[in-house]
């Protein structure tokens, strides 16, 4: 447990930040899951319409430091590739 005043304050701040980070990560996973289900069902039009919101969630998670830059780029690349593969079928 934190002993000094500064450590206690830092701990409180980290708990507050954790709430926002968990929420942002949950939004990220929900958006990606919704996109993947549309692609799996073969609904390419809906998946393509959902792509900007998925990219927005990924970019915000990257901006806030929840995921790293290369991870964000890799996720975006793989999502687009999966959509193109589903459309080609």
PDB file of N, CA and C in Angstrom:
ATOM      1  N   UNK A   1       0.838  -1.187   0.000  1.00  0.00           N
ATOM      2  CA  UNK A   1       0.000   0.000   0.000  1.00  0.00           C
ATOM      3  C   UNK A   1       0.875   1.239   0.000  1.00  0.00           C
ATOM      4  N   UNK A   2       0.391   2.279  -0.588  1.00  0.00           N
ATOM      5  CA  UNK A   2       1.138   3.522  -0.686  1.00  0.00           C
ATOM      6  C   UNK A   2       1.305   4.154   0.694  1.00  0.00           C
ATOM      7  N   UNK A   3       2.475   4.732   0.909  1.00  0.00           N
ATOM      8  CA  UNK A   3       2.765   5.321   2.215  1.00  0.00           C
ATOM      9  C   UNK A   3       2.764   6.844   2.142  1.00  0.00           C
ATOM     10  N   UNK A   4       3.509   7.408   1.203  1.00  0.00           N
ATOM     11  CA  UNK A   4       3.629   8.866   1.135  1.00  0.00           C
ATOM     12  C   UNK A   4       2.384   9.496   0.514  1.00  0.00           C
ATOM     13  N   UNK A   5       2.234  10.798   0.733  1.00  0.00           N
ATOM     14  CA  UNK A   5       1.089  11.514   0.169  1.00  0.00           C
ATOM     15  C   UNK A   5       1.093  11.454  -1.348  1.00  0.00           C
ATOM     16  N   UNK A   6       2.273  11.633  -1.940  1.00  0.00           N
ATOM     17  CA  UNK A   6       2.374  11.598  -3.404  1.00  0.00           C
ATOM     18  C   UNK A   6       2.007  10.230  -3.957  1.00  0.00           C
ATOM     19  N   UNK A   7       2.430   9.185  -3.275  1.00  0.00           N
ATOM     20  CA  UNK A   7       2.121   7.832  -3.734  1.00  0.00           C
ATOM     21  C   UNK A   7       0.626   7.553  -3.627  1.00  0.00           C
ATOM     22  N   UNK A   8       0.000   8.053  -2.561  1.00  0.00           N
ATOM     23  CA  UNK A   8      -1.445   7.865  -2.403  1.00  0.00           C
ATOM     24  C   UNK A   8      -2.207   8.599  -3.496  1.00  0.00           C
ATOM     25  N   UNK A   9      -1.761   9.807  -3.810  1.00  0.00           N
ATOM     26  CA  UNK A   9      -2.407  10.591  -4.860  1.00  0.00           C
ATOM     27  C   UNK A   9      -2.235   9.917  -6.217  1.00  0.00           C
ATOM     28  N   UNK A  10      -1.028   9.417  -6.474  1.00  0.00           N
ATOM     29  CA  UNK A  10      -0.768   8.724  -7.739  1.00  0.00           C
ATOM     30  C   UNK A  10      -1.630   7.475  -7.856  1.00  0.00           C
ATOM     31  N   UNK A  11      -1.826   6.791  -6.752  1.00  0.00           N
ATOM     32  CA  UNK A  11      -2.663   5.590  -6.754  1.00  0.00           C
ATOM     33  C   UNK A  11      -4.113   5.943  -7.069  1.00  0.00           C
ATOM     34  N   UNK A  12      -4.618   7.019  -6.468  1.00  0.00           N
ATOM     35  CA  UNK A  12      -5.984   7.462  -6.755  1.00  0.00           C
ATOM     36  C   UNK A  12      -6.123   7.826  -8.231  1.00  0.00           C
ATOM     37  N   UNK A  13      -5.128   8.520  -8.753  1.00  0.00           N
ATOM     38  CA  UNK A  13      -5.162   8.922 -10.163  1.00  0.00           C
ATOM     39  C   UNK A  13      -5.150   7.703 -11.072  1.00  0.00           C
ATOM     40  N   UNK A  14      -4.359   6.699 -10.719  1.00  0.00           N
ATOM     41  CA  UNK A  14      -4.292   5.500 -11.555  1.00  0.00           C
ATOM     42  C   UNK A  14      -5.619   4.746 -11.548  1.00  0.00           C
ATOM     43  N   UNK A  15      -6.307   4.753 -10.427  1.00  0.00           N
ATOM     44  CA  UNK A  15      -7.617   4.101 -10.366  1.00  0.00           C
ATOM     45  C   UNK A  15      -8.633   4.831 -11.236  1.00  0.00           C
ATOM     46  N   UNK A  16      -8.548   6.166 -11.245  1.00  0.00           N
ATOM     47  CA  UNK A  16      -9.446   6.953 -12.090  1.00  0.00           C
ATOM     48  C   UNK A  16      -9.151   6.702 -13.560  1.00  0.00           C
ATOM     49  N   UNK A  17      -7.878   6.703 -13.922  1.00  0.00           N
ATOM     50  CA  UNK A  17      -7.488   6.473 -15.315  1.00  0.00           C
ATOM     51  C   UNK A  17      -7.857   5.068 -15.763  1.00  0.00           C
ATOM     52  N   UNK A  18      -7.797   4.117 -14.842  1.00  0.00           N
ATOM     53  CA  UNK A  18      -8.118   2.737 -15.169  1.00  0.00           C
ATOM     54  C   UNK A  18      -9.555   2.607 -15.665  1.00  0.00           C
ATOM     55  N   UNK A  19     -10.463   3.348 -15.045  1.00  0.00           N
ATOM     56  CA  UNK A  19     -11.873   3.306 -15.453  1.00  0.00           C
ATOM     57  C   UNK A  19     -12.008   3.697 -16.918  1.00  0.00           C
ATOM     58  N   UNK A  20     -11.333   4.782 -17.305  1.00  0.00           N
ATOM     59  CA  UNK A  20     -11.410   5.247 -18.685  1.00  0.00           C
ATOM     60  C   UNK A  20     -10.752   4.257 -19.647  1.00  0.00           C
ATOM     61  N   UNK A  21      -9.618   3.692 -19.220  1.00  0.00           N
ATOM     62  CA  UNK A  21      -8.909   2.746 -20.077  1.00  0.00           C
ATOM     63  C   UNK A  21      -9.713   1.466 -20.290  1.00  0.00           C
ATOM     64  N   UNK A  22     -10.329   0.965 -19.238  1.00  0.00           N
ATOM     65  CA  UNK A  22     -11.138  -0.252 -19.351  1.00  0.00           C
ATOM     66  C   UNK A  22     -12.336   0.008 -20.262  1.00  0.00           C
ATOM     67  N   UNK A  23     -12.955   1.181 -20.112  1.00  0.00           N
ATOM     68  CA  UNK A  23     -14.099   1.533 -20.946  1.00  0.00           C
ATOM     69  C   UNK A  23     -13.691   1.633 -22.413  1.00  0.00           C
ATOM     70  N   UNK A  24     -12.572   2.295 -22.682  1.00  0.00           N
ATOM     71  CA  UNK A  24     -12.099   2.466 -24.059  1.00  0.00           C
ATOM     72  C   UNK A  24     -11.763   1.110 -24.677  1.00  0.00           C
ATOM     73  N   UNK A  25     -11.142   0.222 -23.892  1.00  0.00           N
ATOM     74  CA  UNK A  25     -10.786  -1.096 -24.405  1.00  0.00           C
ATOM     75  C   UNK A  25     -12.028  -1.938 -24.674  1.00  0.00           C
ATOM     76  N   UNK A  26     -13.039  -1.806 -23.838  1.00  0.00           N
ATOM     77  CA  UNK A  26     -14.291  -2.536 -24.047  1.00  0.00           C
ATOM     78  C   UNK A  26     -14.979  -2.056 -25.327  1.00  0.00           C
ATOM     79  N   UNK A  27     -14.974  -0.756 -25.548  1.00  0.00           N
ATOM     80  CA  UNK A  27     -15.555  -0.208 -26.781  1.00  0.00           C
ATOM     81  C   UNK A  27     -14.809  -0.745 -27.989  1.00  0.00           C
ATOM     82  N   UNK A  28     -13.491  -0.777 -27.892  1.00  0.00           N
ATOM     83  CA  UNK A  28     -12.657  -1.290 -28.976  1.00  0.00           C
ATOM     84  C   UNK A  28     -13.031  -2.733 -29.301  1.00  0.00           C
ATOM     85  N   UNK A  29     -13.124  -3.570 -28.291  1.00  0.00           N
ATOM     86  CA  UNK A  29     -13.446  -4.980 -28.515  1.00  0.00           C
ATOM     87  C   UNK A  29     -14.862  -5.153 -29.061  1.00  0.00           C
ATOM     88  N   UNK A  30     -15.801  -4.362 -28.555  1.00  0.00           N
ATOM     89  CA  UNK A  30     -17.174  -4.457 -29.038  1.00  0.00           C
ATOM     90  C   UNK A  30     -17.281  -4.083 -30.512  1.00  0.00           C
ATOM     91  N   UNK A  31     -16.595  -3.010 -30.903  1.00  0.00           N
ATOM     92  CA  UNK A  31     -16.634  -2.564 -32.305  1.00  0.00           C
ATOM     93  C   UNK A  31     -16.012  -3.614 -33.230  1.00  0.00           C
ATOM     94  N   UNK A  32     -14.874  -4.153 -32.813  1.00  0.00           N
ATOM     95  CA  UNK A  32     -14.193  -5.163 -33.634  1.00  0.00           C
ATOM     96  C   UNK A  32     -15.053  -6.419 -33.748  1.00  0.00           C
ATOM     97  N   UNK A  33     -15.681  -6.805 -32.644  1.00  0.00           N
ATOM     98  CA  UNK A  33     -16.516  -8.007 -32.659  1.00  0.00           C
ATOM     99  C   UNK A  33     -17.728  -7.824 -33.567  1.00  0.00           C
ATOM    100  N   UNK A  34     -18.339  -6.642 -33.511  1.00  0.00           N
ATOM    101  CA  UNK A  34     -19.491  -6.363 -34.373  1.00  0.00           C
ATOM    102  C   UNK A  34     -19.079  -6.431 -35.840  1.00  0.00           C
ATOM    103  N   UNK A  35     -17.919  -5.874 -36.155  1.00  0.00           N
ATOM    104  CA  UNK A  35     -17.416  -5.898 -37.528  1.00  0.00           C
ATOM    105  C   UNK A  35     -17.153  -7.325 -37.983  1.00  0.00           C
ATOM    106  N   UNK A  36     -16.498  -8.113 -37.134  1.00  0.00           N
ATOM    107  CA  UNK A  36     -16.156  -9.488 -37.512  1.00  0.00           C
ATOM    108  C   UNK A  36     -17.399 -10.355 -37.685  1.00  0.00           C
ATOM    109  N   UNK A  37     -18.424 -10.119 -36.891  1.00  0.00           N
ATOM    110  CA  UNK A  37     -19.645 -10.904 -37.064  1.00  0.00           C
ATOM    111  C   UNK A  37     -20.320 -10.567 -38.389  1.00  0.00           C
ATOM    112  N   UNK A  38     -20.294  -9.291 -38.769  1.00  0.00           N
ATOM    113  CA  UNK A  38     -20.861  -8.896 -40.072  1.00  0.00           C
ATOM    114  C   UNK A  38     -20.082  -9.556 -41.205  1.00  0.00           C
ATOM    115  N   UNK A  39     -18.757  -9.577 -41.091  1.00  0.00           N
ATOM    116  CA  UNK A  39     -17.921 -10.194 -42.129  1.00  0.00           C
ATOM    117  C   UNK A  39     -18.175 -11.698 -42.175  1.00  0.00           C
ATOM    118  N   UNK A  40     -18.285 -12.325 -41.006  1.00  0.00           N
ATOM    119  CA  UNK A  40     -18.501 -13.775 -40.954  1.00  0.00           C
ATOM    120  C   UNK A  40     -19.848 -14.170 -41.554  1.00  0.00           C
ATOM    121  N   UNK A  41     -20.849 -13.314 -41.360  1.00  0.00           N
ATOM    122  CA  UNK A  41     -22.167 -13.594 -41.919  1.00  0.00           C
ATOM    123  C   UNK A  41     -22.241 -13.272 -43.399  1.00  0.00           C
ATOM    124  N   UNK A  42     -21.218 -12.595 -43.900  1.00  0.00           N
ATOM    125  CA  UNK A  42     -21.175 -12.270 -45.318  1.00  0.00           C
ATOM    126  C   UNK A  42     -21.935 -11.011 -45.691  1.00  0.00           C
ATOM    127  N   UNK A  43     -22.171 -10.165 -44.710  1.00  0.00           N
ATOM    128  CA  UNK A  43     -22.874  -8.900 -44.962  1.00  0.00           C
ATOM    129  C   UNK A  43     -21.811  -7.832 -45.217  1.00  0.00           C
ATOM    130  N   UNK A  44     -21.314  -7.796 -46.444  1.00  0.00           N
ATOM    131  CA  UNK A  44     -20.191  -6.918 -46.776  1.00  0.00           C
ATOM    132  C   UNK A  44     -20.569  -5.446 -46.710  1.00  0.00           C
ATOM    133  N   UNK A  45     -21.773  -5.101 -47.128  1.00  0.00           N
ATOM    134  CA  UNK A  45     -22.196  -3.702 -47.120  1.00  0.00           C
ATOM    135  C   UNK A  45     -22.228  -3.120 -45.720  1.00  0.00           C
ATOM    136  N   UNK A  46     -22.795  -3.875 -44.782  1.00  0.00           N
ATOM    137  CA  UNK A  46     -22.852  -3.412 -43.398  1.00  0.00           C
ATOM    138  C   UNK A  46     -21.458  -3.355 -42.780  1.00  0.00           C
ATOM    139  N   UNK A  47     -20.630  -4.342 -43.118  1.00  0.00           N
ATOM    140  CA  UNK A  47     -19.273  -4.363 -42.589  1.00  0.00           C
ATOM    141  C   UNK A  47     -18.483  -3.162 -43.086  1.00  0.00           C
ATOM    142  N   UNK A  48     -18.654  -2.838 -44.356  1.00  0.00           N
ATOM    143  CA  UNK A  48     -17.940  -1.691 -44.924  1.00  0.00           C
ATOM    144  C   UNK A  48     -18.422  -0.388 -44.296  1.00  0.00           C
ATOM    145  N   UNK A  49     -19.699  -0.296 -43.997  1.00  0.00           N
ATOM    146  CA  UNK A  49     -20.238   0.892 -43.345  1.00  0.00           C
ATOM    147  C   UNK A  49     -19.750   1.000 -41.901  1.00  0.00           C
ATOM    148  N   UNK A  50     -19.466  -0.131 -41.283  1.00  0.00           N
ATOM    149  CA  UNK A  50     -19.009  -0.166 -39.902  1.00  0.00           C
ATOM    150  C   UNK A  50     -17.517   0.125 -39.779  1.00  0.00           C
ATOM    151  N   UNK A  51     -16.795   0.023 -40.875  1.00  0.00           N
ATOM    152  CA  UNK A  51     -15.341   0.174 -40.853  1.00  0.00           C
ATOM    153  C   UNK A  51     -14.866   1.510 -40.275  1.00  0.00           C
ATOM    154  N   UNK A  52     -15.450   2.661 -40.633  1.00  0.00           N
ATOM    155  CA  UNK A  52     -14.973   3.916 -40.043  1.00  0.00           C
ATOM    156  C   UNK A  52     -15.111   3.976 -38.522  1.00  0.00           C
ATOM    157  N   UNK A  53     -16.179   3.413 -37.971  1.00  0.00           N
ATOM    158  CA  UNK A  53     -16.334   3.425 -36.516  1.00  0.00           C
ATOM    159  C   UNK A  53     -15.315   2.513 -35.842  1.00  0.00           C
ATOM    160  N   UNK A  54     -14.987   1.405 -36.505  1.00  0.00           N
ATOM    161  CA  UNK A  54     -13.971   0.506 -35.969  1.00  0.00           C
ATOM    162  C   UNK A  54     -12.608   1.202 -35.996  1.00  0.00           C
ATOM    163  N   UNK A  55     -12.301   1.867 -37.100  1.00  0.00           N
ATOM    164  CA  UNK A  55     -11.034   2.595 -37.199  1.00  0.00           C
ATOM    165  C   UNK A  55     -10.958   3.697 -36.151  1.00  0.00           C
ATOM    166  N   UNK A  56     -12.071   4.357 -35.898  1.00  0.00           N
ATOM    167  CA  UNK A  56     -12.109   5.423 -34.898  1.00  0.00           C
ATOM    168  C   UNK A  56     -11.808   4.860 -33.510  1.00  0.00           C
ATOM    169  N   UNK A  57     -12.401   3.723 -33.194  1.00  0.00           N
ATOM    170  CA  UNK A  57     -12.165   3.101 -31.891  1.00  0.00           C
ATOM    171  C   UNK A  57     -10.713   2.671 -31.750  1.00  0.00           C
ATOM    172  N   UNK A  58     -10.143   2.109 -32.819  1.00  0.00           N
ATOM    173  CA  UNK A  58      -8.742   1.687 -32.785  1.00  0.00           C
ATOM    174  C   UNK A  58      -7.834   2.897 -32.625  1.00  0.00           C
ATOM    175  N   UNK A  59      -8.102   3.958 -33.378  1.00  0.00           N
ATOM    176  CA  UNK A  59      -7.272   5.157 -33.307  1.00  0.00           C
ATOM    177  C   UNK A  59      -7.338   5.822 -31.935  1.00  0.00           C
ATOM    178  N   UNK A  60      -8.518   5.855 -31.337  1.00  0.00           N
ATOM    179  CA  UNK A  60      -8.642   6.450 -30.008  1.00  0.00           C
ATOM    180  C   UNK A  60      -7.909   5.619 -28.960  1.00  0.00           C
ATOM    181  N   UNK A  61      -7.994   4.295 -29.088  1.00  0.00           N
ATOM    182  CA  UNK A  61      -7.279   3.428 -28.152  1.00  0.00           C
ATOM    183  C   UNK A  61      -5.770   3.617 -28.304  1.00  0.00           C
ATOM    184  N   UNK A  62      -5.325   3.796 -29.534  1.00  0.00           N
ATOM    185  CA  UNK A  62      -3.901   4.038 -29.774  1.00  0.00           C
ATOM    186  C   UNK A  62      -3.488   5.393 -29.205  1.00  0.00           C
ATOM    187  N   UNK A  63      -4.304   6.398 -29.424  1.00  0.00           N
ATOM    188  CA  UNK A  63      -4.003   7.755 -28.966  1.00  0.00           C
ATOM    189  C   UNK A  63      -3.876   7.810 -27.450  1.00  0.00           C
ATOM    190  N   UNK A  64      -4.723   7.065 -26.763  1.00  0.00           N
ATOM    191  CA  UNK A  64      -4.704   7.065 -25.305  1.00  0.00           C
ATOM    192  C   UNK A  64      -3.677   6.105 -24.712  1.00  0.00           C
ATOM    193  N   UNK A  65      -2.974   5.371 -25.567  1.00  0.00           N
ATOM    194  CA  UNK A  65      -1.931   4.478 -25.071  1.00  0.00           C
ATOM    195  C   UNK A  65      -2.441   3.134 -24.601  1.00  0.00           C
ATOM    196  N   UNK A  66      -3.653   2.782 -24.978  1.00  0.00           N
ATOM    197  CA  UNK A  66      -4.217   1.495 -24.562  1.00  0.00           C
ATOM    198  C   UNK A  66      -3.635   0.374 -25.417  1.00  0.00           C
ATOM    199  N   UNK A  67      -3.447   0.657 -26.704  1.00  0.00           N
ATOM    200  CA  UNK A  67      -2.732  -0.267 -27.577  1.00  0.00           C
ATOM    201  C   UNK A  67      -1.612   0.509 -28.265  1.00  0.00           C
ATOM    202  N   UNK A  68      -0.588  -0.204 -28.687  1.00  0.00           N
ATOM    203  CA  UNK A  68       0.552   0.446 -29.323  1.00  0.00           C
ATOM    204  C   UNK A  68       0.264   0.750 -30.788  1.00  0.00           C
ATOM    205  N   UNK A  69       1.100   1.593 -31.362  1.00  0.00           N
ATOM    206  CA  UNK A  69       0.902   2.059 -32.734  1.00  0.00           C
ATOM    207  C   UNK A  69       0.908   0.904 -33.728  1.00  0.00           C
ATOM    208  N   UNK A  70       1.891   0.022 -33.619  1.00  0.00           N
ATOM    209  CA  UNK A  70       1.976  -1.097 -34.560  1.00  0.00           C
ATOM    210  C   UNK A  70       0.814  -2.069 -34.382  1.00  0.00           C
ATOM    211  N   UNK A  71       0.358  -2.229 -33.157  1.00  0.00           N
ATOM    212  CA  UNK A  71      -0.791  -3.097 -32.900  1.00  0.00           C
ATOM    213  C   UNK A  71      -2.030  -2.525 -33.571  1.00  0.00           C
ATOM    214  N   UNK A  72      -2.205  -1.216 -33.469  1.00  0.00           N
ATOM    215  CA  UNK A  72      -3.351  -0.568 -34.106  1.00  0.00           C
ATOM    216  C   UNK A  72      -3.282  -0.740 -35.618  1.00  0.00           C
ATOM    217  N   UNK A  73      -2.113  -0.508 -36.192  1.00  0.00           N
ATOM    218  CA  UNK A  73      -1.955  -0.660 -37.641  1.00  0.00           C
ATOM    219  C   UNK A  73      -2.198  -2.095 -38.082  1.00  0.00           C
ATOM    220  N   UNK A  74      -1.717  -3.049 -37.299  1.00  0.00           N
ATOM    221  CA  UNK A  74      -1.907  -4.456 -37.630  1.00  0.00           C
ATOM    222  C   UNK A  74      -3.385  -4.835 -37.578  1.00  0.00           C
ATOM    223  N   UNK A  75      -4.092  -4.358 -36.555  1.00  0.00           N
ATOM    224  CA  UNK A  75      -5.523  -4.649 -36.434  1.00  0.00           C
ATOM    225  C   UNK A  75      -6.295  -4.085 -37.623  1.00  0.00           C
ATOM    226  N   UNK A  76      -5.998  -2.836 -37.992  1.00  0.00           N
ATOM    227  CA  UNK A  76      -6.691  -2.212 -39.116  1.00  0.00           C
ATOM    228  C   UNK A  76      -6.416  -2.980 -40.406  1.00  0.00           C
ATOM    229  N   UNK A  77      -5.170  -3.359 -40.610  1.00  0.00           N
ATOM    230  CA  UNK A  77      -4.790  -4.074 -41.816  1.00  0.00           C
ATOM    231  C   UNK A  77      -5.501  -5.424 -41.905  1.00  0.00           C
ATOM    232  N   UNK A  78      -5.545  -6.143 -40.818  1.00  0.00           N
ATOM    233  CA  UNK A  78      -6.168  -7.464 -40.820  1.00  0.00           C
ATOM    234  C   UNK A  78      -7.681  -7.382 -40.983  1.00  0.00           C
ATOM    235  N   UNK A  79      -8.282  -6.352 -40.409  1.00  0.00           N
ATOM    236  CA  UNK A  79      -9.724  -6.196 -40.564  1.00  0.00           C
ATOM    237  C   UNK A  79     -10.093  -5.903 -42.016  1.00  0.00           C
ATOM    238  N   UNK A  80      -9.326  -5.022 -42.657  1.00  0.00           N
ATOM    239  CA  UNK A  80      -9.580  -4.707 -44.062  1.00  0.00           C
ATOM    240  C   UNK A  80      -9.342  -5.937 -44.928  1.00  0.00           C
ATOM    241  N   UNK A  81      -8.285  -6.683 -44.625  1.00  0.00           N
ATOM    242  CA  UNK A  81      -7.987  -7.889 -45.397  1.00  0.00           C
ATOM    243  C   UNK A  81      -9.107  -8.914 -45.256  1.00  0.00           C
ATOM    244  N   UNK A  82      -9.641  -9.063 -44.045  1.00  0.00           N
ATOM    245  CA  UNK A  82     -10.730 -10.034 -43.847  1.00  0.00           C
ATOM    246  C   UNK A  82     -11.992  -9.596 -44.591  1.00  0.00           C
ATOM    247  N   UNK A  83     -12.243  -8.278 -44.625  1.00  0.00           N
ATOM    248  CA  UNK A  83     -13.399  -7.782 -45.346  1.00  0.00           C
ATOM    249  C   UNK A  83     -13.237  -8.013 -46.848  1.00  0.00           C
ATOM    250  N   UNK A  84     -12.054  -7.731 -47.372  1.00  0.00           N
ATOM    251  CA  UNK A  84     -11.803  -7.939 -48.812  1.00  0.00           C
ATOM    252  C   UNK A  84     -11.925  -9.405 -49.181  1.00  0.00           C
ATOM    253  N   UNK A  85     -11.463 -10.276 -48.297  1.00  0.00           N
ATOM    254  CA  UNK A  85     -11.564 -11.713 -48.545  1.00  0.00           C
ATOM    255  C   UNK A  85     -13.026 -12.157 -48.560  1.00  0.00           C
ATOM    256  N   UNK A  86     -13.827 -11.595 -47.660  1.00  0.00           N
ATOM    257  CA  UNK A  86     -15.251 -11.948 -47.624  1.00  0.00           C
ATOM    258  C   UNK A  86     -15.989 -11.411 -48.845  1.00  0.00           C
ATOM    259  N   UNK A  87     -15.600 -10.238 -49.316  1.00  0.00           N
ATOM    260  CA  UNK A  87     -16.246  -9.641 -50.476  1.00  0.00           C
ATOM    261  C   UNK A  87     -15.900 -10.433 -51.744  1.00  0.00           C
ATOM    262  N   UNK A  88     -14.667 -10.946 -51.797  1.00  0.00           N
ATOM    263  CA  UNK A  88     -14.208 -11.669 -52.982  1.00  0.00           C
ATOM    264  C   UNK A  88     -14.935 -13.000 -53.154  1.00  0.00           C
ATOM    265  N   UNK A  89     -15.492 -13.543 -52.082  1.00  0.00           N
ATOM    266  CA  UNK A  89     -16.169 -14.850 -52.160  1.00  0.00           C
ATOM    267  C   UNK A  89     -17.409 -14.799 -52.991  1.00  0.00           C
TER     268      UNK A  89
END
